[in-house]
């Protein structure tokens, strides 16, 4: 089989339905593929929708909310394709040539290990989806008023790669995990996601593992996808988000795990 598409879904069936419809409309007909949906804290409404509208989808319901990494790893173990596209359910693929472009890039660049398409907001503006590696300072500046200082802006611009030309493929430190393209044989060498992360920093960690295994991580704007992105860990209270948002607390805990594992660079 040429392609496996793995969709991670958690209680947003309207977005999942939109994601699947656009996939079916834009996947090349000449590429043999499978579509796998891993459904966290699954409900009957989602199961019924898949059965009635997308009967060819391989549907894996999970009773509990086990977190992003465990869900994706479960799906990856089921993938049979030579190439694997990992998507969140809030991704919309709207270009018919997307898959063929990414496959072609891999075929021409043997050091490529992980590709991330350019992600767009629903109004067509470009999302930040490629980054330099985090430092404790970059997290502090993004979450506090210090980010508005001249030094803070410099740190944040470096993290977001704001001074980099993003109109052509570029080698980056890490990619947002909402849409990732790779090969099954590369995953077999690199390994699965680290399940110690419930969510957040799992994509940073995985990209680090690709680099460690000798592969490049590539931002690939030649392919574009829409991303209905909600930053759940930001509530608008700055440093006080840690008191008001459980997602902020998860984000901070994941950051601690990440720096404990890989070490701290300021």
C-alpha atoms as a PDB file:
ATOM      1  CA  UNK A   1       0.000   0.000   0.000  1.00  0.00           C
ATOM      2  CA  UNK A   2       1.288   3.459  -0.909  1.00  0.00           C
ATOM      3  CA  UNK A   3      -0.338   5.755   1.658  1.00  0.00           C
ATOM      4  CA  UNK A   4      -1.822   5.663   5.145  1.00  0.00           C
ATOM      5  CA  UNK A   5      -3.685   8.709   6.452  1.00  0.00           C
ATOM      6  CA  UNK A   6      -4.023   8.726  10.217  1.00  0.00           C
ATOM      7  CA  UNK A   7      -6.511  11.145  11.758  1.00  0.00           C
ATOM      8  CA  UNK A   8      -6.459  11.937  15.461  1.00  0.00           C
ATOM      9  CA  UNK A   9      -9.940  12.945  16.656  1.00  0.00           C
ATOM     10  CA  UNK A  10     -11.393  14.064  19.969  1.00  0.00           C
ATOM     11  CA  UNK A  11     -15.066  15.028  20.272  1.00  0.00           C
ATOM     12  CA  UNK A  12     -15.433  17.330  17.272  1.00  0.00           C
ATOM     13  CA  UNK A  13     -17.440  15.211  14.795  1.00  0.00           C
ATOM     14  CA  UNK A  14     -18.420  18.242  12.685  1.00  0.00           C
ATOM     15  CA  UNK A  15     -14.723  18.959  12.049  1.00  0.00           C
ATOM     16  CA  UNK A  16     -13.946  15.287  11.445  1.00  0.00           C
ATOM     17  CA  UNK A  17     -16.726  15.089   8.864  1.00  0.00           C
ATOM     18  CA  UNK A  18     -15.341  18.165   7.084  1.00  0.00           C
ATOM     19  CA  UNK A  19     -11.805  16.762   7.220  1.00  0.00           C
ATOM     20  CA  UNK A  20     -12.863  13.424   5.704  1.00  0.00           C
ATOM     21  CA  UNK A  21     -15.020  14.959   2.973  1.00  0.00           C
ATOM     22  CA  UNK A  22     -12.139  17.102   1.756  1.00  0.00           C
ATOM     23  CA  UNK A  23      -9.761  14.163   1.903  1.00  0.00           C
ATOM     24  CA  UNK A  24     -12.013  12.056  -0.302  1.00  0.00           C
ATOM     25  CA  UNK A  25     -12.444  14.981  -2.705  1.00  0.00           C
ATOM     26  CA  UNK A  26      -8.720  15.684  -3.041  1.00  0.00           C
ATOM     27  CA  UNK A  27      -6.871  12.368  -2.753  1.00  0.00           C
ATOM     28  CA  UNK A  28      -5.363  11.078  -6.028  1.00  0.00           C
ATOM     29  CA  UNK A  29      -7.426   8.181  -7.317  1.00  0.00           C
ATOM     30  CA  UNK A  30      -4.365   6.308  -8.579  1.00  0.00           C
ATOM     31  CA  UNK A  31      -2.734   6.047  -5.120  1.00  0.00           C
ATOM     32  CA  UNK A  32      -3.685   3.022  -3.058  1.00  0.00           C
ATOM     33  CA  UNK A  33      -4.472   4.251   0.443  1.00  0.00           C
ATOM     34  CA  UNK A  34      -6.159   3.646   3.740  1.00  0.00           C
ATOM     35  CA  UNK A  35      -7.710   6.163   6.113  1.00  0.00           C
ATOM     36  CA  UNK A  36      -7.554   5.446   9.833  1.00  0.00           C
ATOM     37  CA  UNK A  37      -9.436   7.469  12.460  1.00  0.00           C
ATOM     38  CA  UNK A  38      -8.486   7.084  16.121  1.00  0.00           C
ATOM     39  CA  UNK A  39     -11.337   8.489  18.189  1.00  0.00           C
ATOM     40  CA  UNK A  40     -10.619   9.497  21.783  1.00  0.00           C
ATOM     41  CA  UNK A  41     -13.409   9.222  24.367  1.00  0.00           C
ATOM     42  CA  UNK A  42     -15.554   7.951  21.523  1.00  0.00           C
ATOM     43  CA  UNK A  43     -19.306   8.570  21.382  1.00  0.00           C
ATOM     44  CA  UNK A  44     -22.044   6.881  19.347  1.00  0.00           C
ATOM     45  CA  UNK A  45     -22.691  10.020  17.274  1.00  0.00           C
ATOM     46  CA  UNK A  46     -19.191   9.875  15.791  1.00  0.00           C
ATOM     47  CA  UNK A  47     -19.325   6.126  15.248  1.00  0.00           C
ATOM     48  CA  UNK A  48     -22.663   6.415  13.434  1.00  0.00           C
ATOM     49  CA  UNK A  49     -21.388   9.232  11.216  1.00  0.00           C
ATOM     50  CA  UNK A  50     -18.351   7.183  10.147  1.00  0.00           C
ATOM     51  CA  UNK A  51     -20.393   4.044   9.504  1.00  0.00           C
ATOM     52  CA  UNK A  52     -23.009   5.850   7.412  1.00  0.00           C
ATOM     53  CA  UNK A  53     -20.886   8.351   5.472  1.00  0.00           C
ATOM     54  CA  UNK A  54     -17.370   6.882   5.378  1.00  0.00           C
ATOM     55  CA  UNK A  55     -17.710   3.090   5.607  1.00  0.00           C
ATOM     56  CA  UNK A  56     -14.238   2.456   4.149  1.00  0.00           C
ATOM     57  CA  UNK A  57     -12.549   4.280   7.041  1.00  0.00           C
ATOM     58  CA  UNK A  58     -10.755   2.104   9.583  1.00  0.00           C
ATOM     59  CA  UNK A  59     -12.320   3.362  12.799  1.00  0.00           C
ATOM     60  CA  UNK A  60     -10.592   2.818  16.157  1.00  0.00           C
ATOM     61  CA  UNK A  61     -12.743   4.003  19.084  1.00  0.00           C
ATOM     62  CA  UNK A  62     -11.104   4.548  22.464  1.00  0.00           C
ATOM     63  CA  UNK A  63     -13.270   4.659  25.578  1.00  0.00           C
ATOM     64  CA  UNK A  64     -11.166   7.177  27.509  1.00  0.00           C
ATOM     65  CA  UNK A  65      -9.297  10.405  26.798  1.00  0.00           C
ATOM     66  CA  UNK A  66      -5.797   8.912  26.754  1.00  0.00           C
ATOM     67  CA  UNK A  67      -4.050  11.894  25.177  1.00  0.00           C
ATOM     68  CA  UNK A  68      -2.575  12.718  21.789  1.00  0.00           C
ATOM     69  CA  UNK A  69       0.532  10.551  21.876  1.00  0.00           C
ATOM     70  CA  UNK A  70      -1.180   7.299  22.858  1.00  0.00           C
ATOM     71  CA  UNK A  71      -3.894   7.832  20.261  1.00  0.00           C
ATOM     72  CA  UNK A  72      -1.464   8.538  17.439  1.00  0.00           C
ATOM     73  CA  UNK A  73       0.830   5.675  18.415  1.00  0.00           C
ATOM     74  CA  UNK A  74      -2.115   3.286  18.385  1.00  0.00           C
ATOM     75  CA  UNK A  75      -2.945   4.442  14.859  1.00  0.00           C
ATOM     76  CA  UNK A  76       0.660   4.311  13.660  1.00  0.00           C
ATOM     77  CA  UNK A  77       0.862   0.660  14.678  1.00  0.00           C
ATOM     78  CA  UNK A  78      -2.058  -0.023  12.320  1.00  0.00           C
ATOM     79  CA  UNK A  79      -0.661   1.861   9.326  1.00  0.00           C
ATOM     80  CA  UNK A  80       0.339  -0.292   6.343  1.00  0.00           C
ATOM     81  CA  UNK A  81       1.293   2.422   3.851  1.00  0.00           C
ATOM     82  CA  UNK A  82       4.779   3.221   2.613  1.00  0.00           C
ATOM     83  CA  UNK A  83       4.024   6.889   3.341  1.00  0.00           C
ATOM     84  CA  UNK A  84       2.110   8.115   6.380  1.00  0.00           C
ATOM     85  CA  UNK A  85       0.209  11.398   6.749  1.00  0.00           C
ATOM     86  CA  UNK A  86      -0.739  12.246  10.343  1.00  0.00           C
ATOM     87  CA  UNK A  87      -3.555  14.766  10.684  1.00  0.00           C
ATOM     88  CA  UNK A  88      -5.591  16.352  13.422  1.00  0.00           C
ATOM     89  CA  UNK A  89      -9.310  16.281  12.661  1.00  0.00           C
ATOM     90  CA  UNK A  90      -9.325  20.085  12.322  1.00  0.00           C
ATOM     91  CA  UNK A  91      -7.213  19.962   9.138  1.00  0.00           C
ATOM     92  CA  UNK A  92      -8.727  20.532   5.694  1.00  0.00           C
ATOM     93  CA  UNK A  93      -6.796  19.375   2.625  1.00  0.00           C
ATOM     94  CA  UNK A  94      -7.996  21.415  -0.334  1.00  0.00           C
ATOM     95  CA  UNK A  95      -5.408  20.748  -3.054  1.00  0.00           C
ATOM     96  CA  UNK A  96      -5.483  17.607  -5.211  1.00  0.00           C
ATOM     97  CA  UNK A  97      -1.719  17.675  -5.774  1.00  0.00           C
ATOM     98  CA  UNK A  98      -0.789  17.855  -2.062  1.00  0.00           C
ATOM     99  CA  UNK A  99       0.106  14.175  -1.602  1.00  0.00           C
ATOM    100  CA  UNK A 100       1.979  13.806  -4.890  1.00  0.00           C
ATOM    101  CA  UNK A 101       4.047  16.919  -4.137  1.00  0.00           C
ATOM    102  CA  UNK A 102       5.123  15.581  -0.745  1.00  0.00           C
ATOM    103  CA  UNK A 103       5.929  12.129  -2.133  1.00  0.00           C
ATOM    104  CA  UNK A 104       7.967  13.725  -4.930  1.00  0.00           C
ATOM    105  CA  UNK A 105       9.953  15.787  -2.426  1.00  0.00           C
ATOM    106  CA  UNK A 106      10.796  12.681  -0.407  1.00  0.00           C
ATOM    107  CA  UNK A 107      11.886  10.827  -3.527  1.00  0.00           C
ATOM    108  CA  UNK A 108      14.247  13.676  -4.451  1.00  0.00           C
ATOM    109  CA  UNK A 109      15.655  14.352  -0.961  1.00  0.00           C
ATOM    110  CA  UNK A 110      16.926  11.186   0.763  1.00  0.00           C
ATOM    111  CA  UNK A 111      17.828  13.041   3.989  1.00  0.00           C
ATOM    112  CA  UNK A 112      14.242  14.258   4.452  1.00  0.00           C
ATOM    113  CA  UNK A 113      12.571  12.539   7.376  1.00  0.00           C
ATOM    114  CA  UNK A 114       9.543  14.629   8.289  1.00  0.00           C
ATOM    115  CA  UNK A 115       7.570  17.133   6.207  1.00  0.00           C
ATOM    116  CA  UNK A 116       5.058  19.688   7.420  1.00  0.00           C
ATOM    117  CA  UNK A 117       2.804  21.496   4.918  1.00  0.00           C
ATOM    118  CA  UNK A 118       2.140  25.191   5.226  1.00  0.00           C
ATOM    119  CA  UNK A 119      -0.851  25.631   7.531  1.00  0.00           C
ATOM    120  CA  UNK A 120      -3.392  28.352   6.819  1.00  0.00           C
ATOM    121  CA  UNK A 121      -6.017  30.016   8.969  1.00  0.00           C
ATOM    122  CA  UNK A 122      -9.548  29.834   7.621  1.00  0.00           C
ATOM    123  CA  UNK A 123      -9.173  33.353   6.205  1.00  0.00           C
ATOM    124  CA  UNK A 124      -6.138  32.251   4.180  1.00  0.00           C
ATOM    125  CA  UNK A 125      -3.494  33.876   6.378  1.00  0.00           C
ATOM    126  CA  UNK A 126      -0.420  31.818   7.253  1.00  0.00           C
ATOM    127  CA  UNK A 127      -0.134  30.156  10.672  1.00  0.00           C
ATOM    128  CA  UNK A 128       3.108  29.755  12.558  1.00  0.00           C
ATOM    129  CA  UNK A 129       3.827  26.041  12.172  1.00  0.00           C
ATOM    130  CA  UNK A 130       7.632  25.790  11.955  1.00  0.00           C
ATOM    131  CA  UNK A 131       9.971  26.774  14.748  1.00  0.00           C
ATOM    132  CA  UNK A 132      13.389  26.848  16.336  1.00  0.00           C
ATOM    133  CA  UNK A 133      13.643  24.676  19.441  1.00  0.00           C
ATOM    134  CA  UNK A 134      12.164  26.041  22.658  1.00  0.00           C
ATOM    135  CA  UNK A 135      14.239  27.462  25.461  1.00  0.00           C
ATOM    136  CA  UNK A 136      12.841  28.271  28.918  1.00  0.00           C
ATOM    137  CA  UNK A 137      13.189  31.949  28.034  1.00  0.00           C
ATOM    138  CA  UNK A 138      11.106  31.637  24.870  1.00  0.00           C
ATOM    139  CA  UNK A 139       8.281  30.058  26.880  1.00  0.00           C
ATOM    140  CA  UNK A 140       8.444  32.753  29.575  1.00  0.00           C
ATOM    141  CA  UNK A 141       8.460  35.577  27.021  1.00  0.00           C
ATOM    142  CA  UNK A 142       5.514  34.105  25.086  1.00  0.00           C
ATOM    143  CA  UNK A 143       3.412  33.820  28.249  1.00  0.00           C
ATOM    144  CA  UNK A 144       4.195  37.087  30.036  1.00  0.00           C
ATOM    145  CA  UNK A 145       4.327  40.821  29.433  1.00  0.00           C
ATOM    146  CA  UNK A 146       8.086  40.414  28.914  1.00  0.00           C
ATOM    147  CA  UNK A 147       7.288  39.315  25.373  1.00  0.00           C
ATOM    148  CA  UNK A 148       6.436  42.922  24.546  1.00  0.00           C
ATOM    149  CA  UNK A 149       9.930  44.142  25.417  1.00  0.00           C
ATOM    150  CA  UNK A 150      12.604  44.559  22.749  1.00  0.00           C
ATOM    151  CA  UNK A 151      14.529  41.559  24.092  1.00  0.00           C
ATOM    152  CA  UNK A 152      11.335  39.533  24.359  1.00  0.00           C
ATOM    153  CA  UNK A 153      10.383  40.303  20.763  1.00  0.00           C
ATOM    154  CA  UNK A 154      13.820  39.186  19.618  1.00  0.00           C
ATOM    155  CA  UNK A 155      13.485  35.862  21.460  1.00  0.00           C
ATOM    156  CA  UNK A 156       9.958  35.267  20.128  1.00  0.00           C
ATOM    157  CA  UNK A 157      10.905  36.181  16.553  1.00  0.00           C
ATOM    158  CA  UNK A 158      13.723  33.650  16.723  1.00  0.00           C
ATOM    159  CA  UNK A 159      11.394  30.932  18.038  1.00  0.00           C
ATOM    160  CA  UNK A 160       8.796  31.628  15.325  1.00  0.00           C
ATOM    161  CA  UNK A 161      11.439  32.000  12.592  1.00  0.00           C
ATOM    162  CA  UNK A 162       9.863  35.319  11.649  1.00  0.00           C
ATOM    163  CA  UNK A 163      12.929  36.515   9.756  1.00  0.00           C
ATOM    164  CA  UNK A 164      13.093  33.397   7.572  1.00  0.00           C
ATOM    165  CA  UNK A 165      11.843  33.175   3.991  1.00  0.00           C
ATOM    166  CA  UNK A 166       8.959  30.699   4.218  1.00  0.00           C
ATOM    167  CA  UNK A 167       7.979  30.732   0.551  1.00  0.00           C
ATOM    168  CA  UNK A 168      10.128  27.701  -0.249  1.00  0.00           C
ATOM    169  CA  UNK A 169      11.030  24.453   1.575  1.00  0.00           C
ATOM    170  CA  UNK A 170      13.359  25.061   4.514  1.00  0.00           C
ATOM    171  CA  UNK A 171      15.055  22.922   7.130  1.00  0.00           C
ATOM    172  CA  UNK A 172      13.623  23.703  10.585  1.00  0.00           C
ATOM    173  CA  UNK A 173      14.049  22.472  14.149  1.00  0.00           C
ATOM    174  CA  UNK A 174      10.460  21.322  14.645  1.00  0.00           C
ATOM    175  CA  UNK A 175       6.995  21.365  13.140  1.00  0.00           C
ATOM    176  CA  UNK A 176       3.522  21.708  14.588  1.00  0.00           C
ATOM    177  CA  UNK A 177       2.096  18.194  14.926  1.00  0.00           C
ATOM    178  CA  UNK A 178      -1.274  19.006  13.345  1.00  0.00           C
ATOM    179  CA  UNK A 179      -0.132  17.773   9.906  1.00  0.00           C
ATOM    180  CA  UNK A 180       2.994  15.644   9.446  1.00  0.00           C
ATOM    181  CA  UNK A 181       4.149  13.517   6.511  1.00  0.00           C
ATOM    182  CA  UNK A 182       6.779  10.801   6.680  1.00  0.00           C
ATOM    183  CA  UNK A 183       7.580   7.202   5.703  1.00  0.00           C
ATOM    184  CA  UNK A 184       6.804   4.031   7.613  1.00  0.00           C
ATOM    185  CA  UNK A 185      10.395   2.790   7.392  1.00  0.00           C
ATOM    186  CA  UNK A 186      11.658   6.065   8.879  1.00  0.00           C
ATOM    187  CA  UNK A 187       9.251   5.786  11.833  1.00  0.00           C
ATOM    188  CA  UNK A 188      10.519   2.248  12.381  1.00  0.00           C
ATOM    189  CA  UNK A 189      13.990   3.733  12.811  1.00  0.00           C
ATOM    190  CA  UNK A 190      13.067   6.892  14.742  1.00  0.00           C
ATOM    191  CA  UNK A 191      10.422   5.357  16.995  1.00  0.00           C
ATOM    192  CA  UNK A 192       6.908   6.362  17.990  1.00  0.00           C
ATOM    193  CA  UNK A 193       5.788   9.415  19.977  1.00  0.00           C
ATOM    194  CA  UNK A 194       6.895   9.554  23.610  1.00  0.00           C
ATOM    195  CA  UNK A 195       3.756   8.676  25.574  1.00  0.00           C
ATOM    196  CA  UNK A 196       4.973  10.503  28.665  1.00  0.00           C
ATOM    197  CA  UNK A 197       3.508  13.604  27.016  1.00  0.00           C
ATOM    198  CA  UNK A 198      -0.286  13.750  27.251  1.00  0.00           C
ATOM    199  CA  UNK A 199      -0.310  16.625  24.775  1.00  0.00           C
ATOM    200  CA  UNK A 200       2.003  19.540  23.914  1.00  0.00           C
ATOM    201  CA  UNK A 201       5.741  19.211  23.285  1.00  0.00           C
ATOM    202  CA  UNK A 202       5.136  15.742  21.818  1.00  0.00           C
ATOM    203  CA  UNK A 203       5.763  17.168  18.330  1.00  0.00           C
ATOM    204  CA  UNK A 204       8.887  19.029  19.497  1.00  0.00           C
ATOM    205  CA  UNK A 205      10.166  15.837  21.090  1.00  0.00           C
ATOM    206  CA  UNK A 206       9.428  13.726  17.991  1.00  0.00           C
ATOM    207  CA  UNK A 207      11.219  16.173  15.691  1.00  0.00           C
ATOM    208  CA  UNK A 208      14.198  16.038  18.055  1.00  0.00           C
ATOM    209  CA  UNK A 209      14.229  12.257  17.597  1.00  0.00           C
ATOM    210  CA  UNK A 210      14.234  12.628  13.804  1.00  0.00           C
ATOM    211  CA  UNK A 211      17.265  14.898  14.022  1.00  0.00           C
ATOM    212  CA  UNK A 212      18.941  12.490  16.416  1.00  0.00           C
ATOM    213  CA  UNK A 213      18.400   9.657  13.905  1.00  0.00           C
ATOM    214  CA  UNK A 214      20.064  11.677  11.125  1.00  0.00           C
ATOM    215  CA  UNK A 215      16.964  12.934   9.279  1.00  0.00           C
ATOM    216  CA  UNK A 216      16.010  16.474   8.333  1.00  0.00           C
ATOM    217  CA  UNK A 217      12.757  18.135   9.378  1.00  0.00           C
ATOM    218  CA  UNK A 218      11.319  20.181   6.524  1.00  0.00           C
ATOM    219  CA  UNK A 219       8.778  22.992   6.339  1.00  0.00           C
ATOM    220  CA  UNK A 220       7.095  22.454   2.971  1.00  0.00           C
ATOM    221  CA  UNK A 221       4.984  25.412   1.767  1.00  0.00           C
ATOM    222  CA  UNK A 222       4.556  23.840  -1.695  1.00  0.00           C
ATOM    223  CA  UNK A 223       1.691  21.970  -0.037  1.00  0.00           C
ATOM    224  CA  UNK A 224      -0.930  23.870   1.947  1.00  0.00           C
ATOM    225  CA  UNK A 225      -3.708  22.826   4.316  1.00  0.00           C
ATOM    226  CA  UNK A 226      -6.273  24.787   6.290  1.00  0.00           C
ATOM    227  CA  UNK A 227      -6.113  24.406  10.057  1.00  0.00           C
ATOM    228  CA  UNK A 228      -8.975  25.355  12.337  1.00  0.00           C
ATOM    229  CA  UNK A 229      -6.538  26.026  15.154  1.00  0.00           C
ATOM    230  CA  UNK A 230      -7.597  26.887  18.698  1.00  0.00           C
ATOM    231  CA  UNK A 231      -4.842  27.628  21.205  1.00  0.00           C
ATOM    232  CA  UNK A 232      -6.496  25.977  24.183  1.00  0.00           C
ATOM    233  CA  UNK A 233      -3.554  26.705  26.472  1.00  0.00           C
ATOM    234  CA  UNK A 234      -3.947  30.481  26.069  1.00  0.00           C
ATOM    235  CA  UNK A 235      -6.842  32.173  27.827  1.00  0.00           C
ATOM    236  CA  UNK A 236      -5.558  35.729  27.630  1.00  0.00           C
ATOM    237  CA  UNK A 237      -4.482  36.106  31.257  1.00  0.00           C
ATOM    238  CA  UNK A 238      -0.750  35.866  30.601  1.00  0.00           C
ATOM    239  CA  UNK A 239       1.146  34.177  33.411  1.00  0.00           C
ATOM    240  CA  UNK A 240      -2.137  33.760  35.326  1.00  0.00           C
ATOM    241  CA  UNK A 241      -3.359  31.290  32.674  1.00  0.00           C
ATOM    242  CA  UNK A 242      -1.776  28.615  34.834  1.00  0.00           C
ATOM    243  CA  UNK A 243      -4.530  29.232  37.409  1.00  0.00           C
ATOM    244  CA  UNK A 244      -7.438  29.451  34.947  1.00  0.00           C
ATOM    245  CA  UNK A 245      -6.622  26.889  32.253  1.00  0.00           C
ATOM    246  CA  UNK A 246      -5.932  23.179  32.691  1.00  0.00           C
ATOM    247  CA  UNK A 247      -4.350  23.207  29.227  1.00  0.00           C
ATOM    248  CA  UNK A 248      -1.826  25.795  30.361  1.00  0.00           C
ATOM    249  CA  UNK A 249      -0.913  23.524  33.256  1.00  0.00           C
ATOM    250  CA  UNK A 250      -0.533  20.577  30.865  1.00  0.00           C
ATOM    251  CA  UNK A 251       1.631  22.737  28.594  1.00  0.00           C
ATOM    252  CA  UNK A 252       3.935  23.745  31.446  1.00  0.00           C
ATOM    253  CA  UNK A 253       4.161  20.156  32.723  1.00  0.00           C
ATOM    254  CA  UNK A 254       5.058  18.944  29.223  1.00  0.00           C
ATOM    255  CA  UNK A 255       7.716  21.640  28.964  1.00  0.00           C
ATOM    256  CA  UNK A 256       9.270  20.426  32.227  1.00  0.00           C
ATOM    257  CA  UNK A 257       9.288  16.839  30.921  1.00  0.00           C
ATOM    258  CA  UNK A 258      10.878  17.996  27.669  1.00  0.00           C
ATOM    259  CA  UNK A 259      13.697  19.960  29.294  1.00  0.00           C
ATOM    260  CA  UNK A 260      14.275  17.184  31.825  1.00  0.00           C
ATOM    261  CA  UNK A 261      14.682  14.734  28.943  1.00  0.00           C
ATOM    262  CA  UNK A 262      16.756  16.820  26.535  1.00  0.00           C
ATOM    263  CA  UNK A 263      18.458  19.322  28.808  1.00  0.00           C
ATOM    264  CA  UNK A 264      18.132  23.089  29.078  1.00  0.00           C
ATOM    265  CA  UNK A 265      19.512  25.596  26.584  1.00  0.00           C
ATOM    266  CA  UNK A 266      18.946  29.256  27.383  1.00  0.00           C
END
